[in-house]
Amino acid sequence: MLIVIYTPPRQMAHFYTLVAMPHLGLATRVQIAKRMNATLFVSIHANAISMSRPEVNGLETYYFSSGENLARTVHERVLQETGIGDLKVRKARFYVLRYTEMLSILVEVGFLTGQNGAPKLAEPAYRSQTAAAIARGIMQYLQVGNPQAIAPNTELSRGVSFSKMKKVLCPCLDPALKLYGIE
């Protein structure tokens, strides 16, 4: 889960990442985003389908209501930078899309069951490349910083920062995480 807090007057965007534990329910994820007053909510997943369909590979990006432009911008950026197959941008009624009050998208970065996707998703370098492409798409959408300059753990111009995909604990997250035994 990626939470973006953007402050337009100062042209700053801060990216917070939280690797969701299986017991961290959908409602809790939505509440965390709300408590942080997030500008954007991006849920990042790896998809799966029956092992009898290894030909299914590619990127899918979903939005519910007002997130279509964000979804298309991020989707195009990931396609451009990773060369992954295109399974399109679609409207969906997923819980985290319906119940977040901020712009939200869900990005399926590939198929763990795909003959092409599974080996790529197993590579840390490919996962980092995909994460950076998602961040660059968000920056492009927000029109902040220099999307080309982004790399994990890099401070960018105009106050944009990107933290590697890891659990980030900040004071506003602590109460929600402690409820679920995450210290």
Protein backbone atom coordinates (compact mmCIF):
# COMPACT_ATOMS: atom_id res chain seq x y z
CA MET A 1 0.00 0.00 0.00
CA LEU A 2 1.37 3.38 -0.95
CA ILE A 3 0.08 6.55 0.66
CA VAL A 4 0.93 9.91 -0.87
CA ILE A 5 0.58 13.19 0.98
CA TYR A 6 0.88 16.19 -1.33
CA THR A 7 1.02 19.80 -0.17
CA PRO A 8 0.44 22.01 -3.25
CA PRO A 9 1.48 25.38 -1.81
CA ARG A 10 4.99 24.05 -1.15
CA GLN A 11 4.98 21.61 -4.10
CA MET A 12 5.95 18.70 -1.84
CA ALA A 13 4.92 15.07 -2.08
CA HIS A 14 5.88 12.46 0.50
CA PHE A 15 5.51 8.78 -0.31
CA TYR A 16 4.84 6.42 2.61
CA THR A 17 4.82 2.70 2.04
CA LEU A 18 3.42 -0.04 4.19
CA VAL A 19 3.77 -3.69 3.37
CA ALA A 20 0.37 -4.92 4.46
CA MET A 21 0.40 -7.96 6.68
CA PRO A 22 -2.24 -10.58 5.78
CA HIS A 23 -4.08 -9.80 9.02
CA LEU A 24 -4.22 -6.08 8.23
CA GLY A 25 -7.76 -6.00 6.85
CA LEU A 26 -9.12 -3.87 4.05
CA ALA A 27 -11.02 -1.56 6.41
CA THR A 28 -7.84 -0.96 8.43
CA ARG A 29 -5.90 -0.07 5.28
CA VAL A 30 -8.57 2.48 4.39
CA GLN A 31 -8.54 3.88 7.94
CA ILE A 32 -4.75 4.29 7.88
CA ALA A 33 -5.00 6.33 4.68
CA LYS A 34 -7.76 8.46 6.18
CA ARG A 35 -5.86 9.06 9.44
CA MET A 36 -2.82 10.19 7.47
CA ASN A 37 -4.97 12.62 5.44
CA ALA A 38 -3.58 11.03 2.32
CA THR A 39 -3.89 12.78 -1.02
CA LEU A 40 -3.61 9.52 -2.94
CA PHE A 41 -3.97 5.86 -2.04
CA VAL A 42 -2.28 3.27 -4.25
CA SER A 43 -2.77 -0.41 -3.51
CA ILE A 44 -0.07 -2.53 -5.18
CA HIS A 45 -0.60 -6.25 -5.75
CA ALA A 46 0.69 -9.22 -7.70
CA ASN A 47 -2.18 -11.10 -9.31
CA ALA A 48 -2.73 -14.85 -9.66
CA ILE A 49 -4.97 -17.09 -11.71
CA SER A 50 -5.31 -20.81 -12.28
CA MET A 51 -2.01 -22.56 -12.99
CA SER A 52 -3.71 -23.99 -16.08
CA ARG A 53 -3.52 -20.50 -17.66
CA PRO A 54 0.19 -19.58 -17.67
CA GLU A 55 -0.33 -17.45 -20.78
CA VAL A 56 -2.11 -14.78 -18.71
CA ASN A 57 0.48 -12.09 -17.97
CA GLY A 58 0.50 -8.33 -17.72
CA LEU A 59 -0.34 -5.14 -15.88
CA GLU A 60 -3.85 -4.23 -14.76
CA THR A 61 -4.78 -0.98 -13.06
CA TYR A 62 -8.14 -0.34 -11.42
CA TYR A 63 -9.99 2.75 -10.23
CA PHE A 64 -13.49 3.30 -8.83
CA SER A 65 -14.72 6.83 -9.40
CA SER A 66 -12.48 9.86 -9.81
CA GLY A 67 -9.21 7.93 -10.08
CA GLU A 68 -9.28 7.22 -13.82
CA ASN A 69 -6.71 9.86 -14.85
CA LEU A 70 -4.34 8.80 -12.06
CA ALA A 71 -4.81 5.14 -13.04
CA ARG A 72 -4.07 5.84 -16.72
CA THR A 73 -0.99 7.95 -15.94
CA VAL A 74 0.53 5.35 -13.59
CA HIS A 75 -0.43 2.46 -15.89
CA GLU A 76 1.18 4.05 -18.95
CA ARG A 77 4.34 4.85 -17.02
CA VAL A 78 4.73 1.27 -15.78
CA LEU A 79 4.10 -0.11 -19.28
CA GLN A 80 6.66 2.27 -20.74
CA GLU A 81 9.38 1.50 -18.22
CA THR A 82 8.98 -2.23 -17.70
CA GLY A 83 7.78 -3.59 -21.05
CA ILE A 84 5.14 -5.68 -19.25
CA GLY A 85 2.04 -6.71 -21.20
CA ASP A 86 -1.00 -4.44 -21.13
CA LEU A 87 -4.19 -5.83 -19.59
CA LYS A 88 -5.74 -2.34 -19.52
CA VAL A 89 -7.12 0.18 -17.03
CA ARG A 90 -10.55 -0.73 -15.70
CA LYS A 91 -13.21 0.50 -13.34
CA ALA A 92 -13.76 -1.82 -10.35
CA ARG A 93 -15.64 -1.88 -7.06
CA PHE A 94 -12.83 -3.17 -4.83
CA TYR A 95 -13.24 -2.26 -1.16
CA VAL A 96 -10.09 -0.12 -0.94
CA LEU A 97 -11.21 1.85 -3.99
CA ARG A 98 -14.81 2.39 -2.88
CA TYR A 99 -14.18 3.38 0.72
CA THR A 100 -11.15 5.63 0.50
CA GLU A 101 -12.14 9.29 0.38
CA MET A 102 -9.06 10.34 -1.58
CA LEU A 103 -8.08 9.46 -5.15
CA SER A 104 -7.28 5.77 -5.15
CA ILE A 105 -6.09 3.11 -7.56
CA LEU A 106 -5.16 -0.55 -7.37
CA VAL A 107 -2.23 -1.71 -9.49
CA GLU A 108 -1.79 -5.42 -10.28
CA VAL A 109 1.88 -5.47 -11.32
CA GLY A 110 1.82 -8.91 -12.91
CA PHE A 111 0.75 -12.51 -12.45
CA LEU A 112 2.54 -14.79 -10.02
CA THR A 113 1.11 -17.64 -12.07
CA GLY A 114 2.15 -16.31 -15.48
CA GLN A 115 4.92 -17.91 -17.50
CA ASN A 116 6.39 -14.47 -18.22
CA GLY A 117 5.30 -12.60 -15.09
CA ALA A 118 6.37 -15.04 -12.38
CA PRO A 119 10.11 -15.03 -13.20
CA LYS A 120 10.15 -11.23 -13.47
CA LEU A 121 8.29 -10.74 -10.18
CA ALA A 122 10.84 -13.00 -8.49
CA GLU A 123 13.64 -10.57 -9.39
CA PRO A 124 14.27 -7.82 -6.80
CA ALA A 125 15.59 -5.50 -9.54
CA TYR A 126 12.36 -5.83 -11.54
CA ARG A 127 10.25 -5.17 -8.44
CA SER A 128 12.30 -2.03 -7.70
CA GLN A 129 11.98 -0.92 -11.32
CA THR A 130 8.21 -1.38 -11.14
CA ALA A 131 7.92 0.46 -7.81
CA ALA A 132 9.98 3.37 -9.16
CA ALA A 133 7.81 3.48 -12.31
CA ILE A 134 4.68 3.69 -10.14
CA ALA A 135 6.24 6.55 -8.16
CA ARG A 136 7.24 8.35 -11.36
CA GLY A 137 3.68 7.97 -12.66
CA ILE A 138 2.34 9.51 -9.48
CA MET A 139 4.83 12.39 -9.73
CA GLN A 140 3.83 12.92 -13.34
CA TYR A 141 0.15 12.98 -12.34
CA LEU A 142 0.83 15.46 -9.52
CA GLN A 143 3.20 17.46 -11.74
CA VAL A 144 5.90 17.66 -9.07
CA GLY A 145 9.62 17.03 -9.09
CA ASN A 146 11.58 15.37 -11.84
CA PRO A 147 10.11 11.90 -12.45
CA GLN A 148 13.25 10.84 -14.36
CA ALA A 149 15.43 11.41 -11.31
CA ILE A 150 13.54 9.07 -9.00
CA ALA A 151 15.25 6.07 -7.50
CA PRO A 152 14.54 4.27 -4.22
CA ASN A 153 15.60 6.34 -1.19
CA THR A 154 16.41 9.40 -3.31
CA GLU A 155 15.57 12.96 -2.30
CA LEU A 156 14.29 14.79 -5.33
CA SER A 157 13.86 18.37 -6.38
CA ARG A 158 10.88 20.31 -5.06
CA GLY A 159 10.62 18.18 -1.91
CA VAL A 160 9.61 14.83 -3.37
CA SER A 161 10.88 11.75 -1.58
CA PHE A 162 10.35 8.05 -2.18
CA SER A 163 10.95 5.37 0.42
CA LYS A 164 11.74 1.79 -0.57
CA MET A 165 8.85 -0.63 -0.32
CA LYS A 166 8.97 -1.31 3.40
CA LYS A 167 6.96 -0.73 6.53
CA VAL A 168 7.23 2.93 7.45
CA LEU A 169 6.20 3.82 10.97
CA CYS A 170 5.31 7.41 11.64
CA PRO A 171 3.39 8.80 14.64
CA CYS A 172 0.08 8.90 12.75
CA LEU A 173 0.36 5.20 11.83
CA ASP A 174 1.45 3.91 15.23
CA PRO A 175 -2.01 3.63 16.84
CA ALA A 176 -3.50 1.74 13.89
CA LEU A 177 -0.53 -0.61 13.61
CA LYS A 178 -0.40 -1.30 17.37
CA LEU A 179 -4.02 -2.48 17.21
CA TYR A 180 -2.77 -5.27 14.97
CA GLY A 181 0.35 -6.06 16.97
CA ILE A 182 2.72 -4.38 14.53
CA GLU A 183 5.44 -2.51 16.41
